[in-house]
Protein backbone atom coordinates (compact mmCIF):
# COMPACT_ATOMS: atom_id res chain seq x y z
CA UNK A 1 -3.18 -14.96 -12.32
CA UNK A 2 -0.70 -17.02 -14.09
CA UNK A 3 2.68 -18.03 -12.77
CA UNK A 4 5.40 -19.03 -14.98
CA UNK A 5 8.45 -21.07 -14.09
CA UNK A 6 11.26 -21.50 -16.66
CA UNK A 7 13.91 -24.11 -16.72
CA UNK A 8 16.62 -25.49 -19.04
CA UNK A 9 19.12 -22.68 -19.42
CA UNK A 10 22.74 -23.09 -19.12
CA UNK A 11 26.09 -23.03 -20.82
CA UNK A 12 26.57 -24.58 -24.24
CA UNK A 13 29.22 -24.42 -26.97
CA UNK A 14 28.47 -22.81 -30.15
CA UNK A 15 26.58 -25.24 -32.59
CA UNK A 16 25.00 -26.94 -29.64
CA UNK A 17 21.38 -27.36 -28.45
CA UNK A 18 19.27 -26.58 -25.49
CA UNK A 19 15.69 -26.97 -24.56
CA UNK A 20 13.87 -24.35 -22.47
CA UNK A 21 10.70 -25.21 -20.56
CA UNK A 22 8.11 -22.94 -19.19
CA UNK A 23 5.36 -24.36 -16.91
CA UNK A 24 2.27 -22.39 -16.32
CA UNK A 25 0.28 -22.54 -13.04
CA UNK A 26 -3.15 -22.91 -14.74
CA UNK A 27 -4.50 -24.57 -17.85
CA UNK A 28 -2.74 -23.53 -20.96
CA UNK A 29 -6.18 -23.73 -22.66
CA UNK A 30 -6.93 -20.38 -21.09
CA UNK A 31 -3.84 -18.69 -22.24
CA UNK A 32 -4.15 -17.01 -25.60
CA UNK A 33 -0.52 -16.78 -26.57
CA UNK A 34 2.69 -18.01 -25.02
CA UNK A 35 6.02 -16.97 -25.98
CA UNK A 36 9.75 -16.57 -25.42
CA UNK A 37 11.59 -13.32 -25.22
CA UNK A 38 15.39 -12.65 -24.67
CA UNK A 39 17.30 -9.81 -23.26
CA UNK A 40 21.08 -9.63 -23.81
CA UNK A 41 23.33 -7.21 -21.81
CA UNK A 42 22.78 -3.64 -22.87
CA UNK A 43 19.93 -4.56 -25.26
CA UNK A 44 16.31 -4.34 -25.29
CA UNK A 45 14.08 -7.41 -24.66
CA UNK A 46 13.04 -8.96 -27.99
CA UNK A 47 10.54 -11.49 -29.00
CA UNK A 48 12.06 -14.71 -30.10
CA UNK A 49 9.04 -16.91 -30.73
CA UNK A 50 5.57 -17.32 -29.75
CA UNK A 51 2.55 -19.77 -30.19
CA UNK A 52 -1.04 -19.11 -29.85
CA UNK A 53 -3.93 -21.24 -28.76
CA UNK A 54 -4.55 -22.59 -32.21
CA UNK A 55 -0.96 -23.62 -32.71
CA UNK A 56 0.13 -20.82 -35.03
CA UNK A 57 3.69 -19.79 -34.49
CA UNK A 58 5.85 -16.91 -35.03
CA UNK A 59 9.69 -16.63 -35.10
CA UNK A 60 12.08 -13.87 -35.22
CA UNK A 61 14.18 -13.80 -38.33
CA UNK A 62 17.26 -14.25 -36.29
CA UNK A 63 16.23 -17.74 -35.12
CA UNK A 64 14.06 -19.08 -37.96
CA UNK A 65 15.14 -22.62 -38.93
CA UNK A 66 17.16 -23.05 -35.65
CA UNK A 67 14.46 -22.69 -32.81
CA UNK A 68 11.19 -24.44 -32.47
CA UNK A 69 8.43 -23.47 -30.03
CA UNK A 70 5.86 -25.96 -28.94
CA UNK A 71 3.17 -26.34 -26.28
CA UNK A 72 1.81 -29.16 -24.36
CA UNK A 73 -1.51 -28.15 -23.09
CA UNK A 74 -1.91 -31.31 -21.01
CA UNK A 75 1.07 -30.32 -19.02
CA UNK A 76 0.48 -26.57 -19.28
CA UNK A 77 3.98 -26.18 -20.68
CA UNK A 78 5.66 -24.46 -23.49
CA UNK A 79 8.97 -25.35 -24.94
CA UNK A 80 11.70 -23.75 -26.98
CA UNK A 81 14.03 -26.17 -28.71
CA UNK A 82 17.18 -24.17 -29.72
CA UNK A 83 19.52 -25.63 -32.05
CA UNK A 84 22.66 -24.33 -34.08
CA UNK A 85 23.30 -22.05 -31.21
CA UNK A 86 25.42 -19.01 -31.75
CA UNK A 87 27.20 -16.68 -29.28
CA UNK A 88 24.78 -13.92 -30.31
CA UNK A 89 22.07 -16.05 -28.73
CA UNK A 90 23.49 -15.49 -25.30
CA UNK A 91 20.84 -13.77 -23.18
CA UNK A 92 18.38 -14.18 -20.44
CA UNK A 93 15.28 -15.92 -21.86
CA UNK A 94 11.89 -14.97 -20.41
CA UNK A 95 8.67 -16.90 -20.90
CA UNK A 96 5.56 -14.86 -21.46
CA UNK A 97 1.82 -15.59 -21.32
CA UNK A 98 -0.99 -13.39 -22.52
CA UNK A 99 -4.52 -13.70 -21.27
CA UNK A 100 -6.38 -10.60 -20.48
CA UNK A 101 -3.13 -9.59 -18.74
CA UNK A 102 0.55 -10.16 -19.57
CA UNK A 103 2.71 -12.40 -17.37
CA UNK A 104 6.39 -13.03 -17.21
CA UNK A 105 8.65 -15.68 -15.81
CA UNK A 106 11.72 -15.01 -13.81
CA UNK A 107 14.05 -15.69 -16.74
CA UNK A 108 16.73 -18.30 -17.41
CA UNK A 109 20.31 -17.66 -18.51
CA UNK A 110 21.54 -19.09 -21.66
CA UNK A 111 25.19 -18.64 -22.55
CA UNK A 112 26.74 -19.86 -25.77
CA UNK A 113 30.57 -20.08 -25.93
CA UNK A 114 32.59 -19.53 -29.12
């Protein structure tokens, strides 16, 4: 079992920055992939960014150049640094971890005002 606790969401003006954190309940070394998804009202959940155990990253086209995902294995934590935020980035952001199963955090709200 892996429990994930997100933090760092909030309200920010367009153009601003936020950093999301996701703390895992067990060693990140045993987690193959960690990622961030988001779900806006009335839309499907979508993958924003992910990072595997080798440090390889993936970004959705909509966030490339603005968001950076990173992981600190010593702290069992993955981060999502979000910059140049836009109103369309408004969503609930979920942390995700993949081992032999898939785990989700409870979500954290990010609201970007225009």
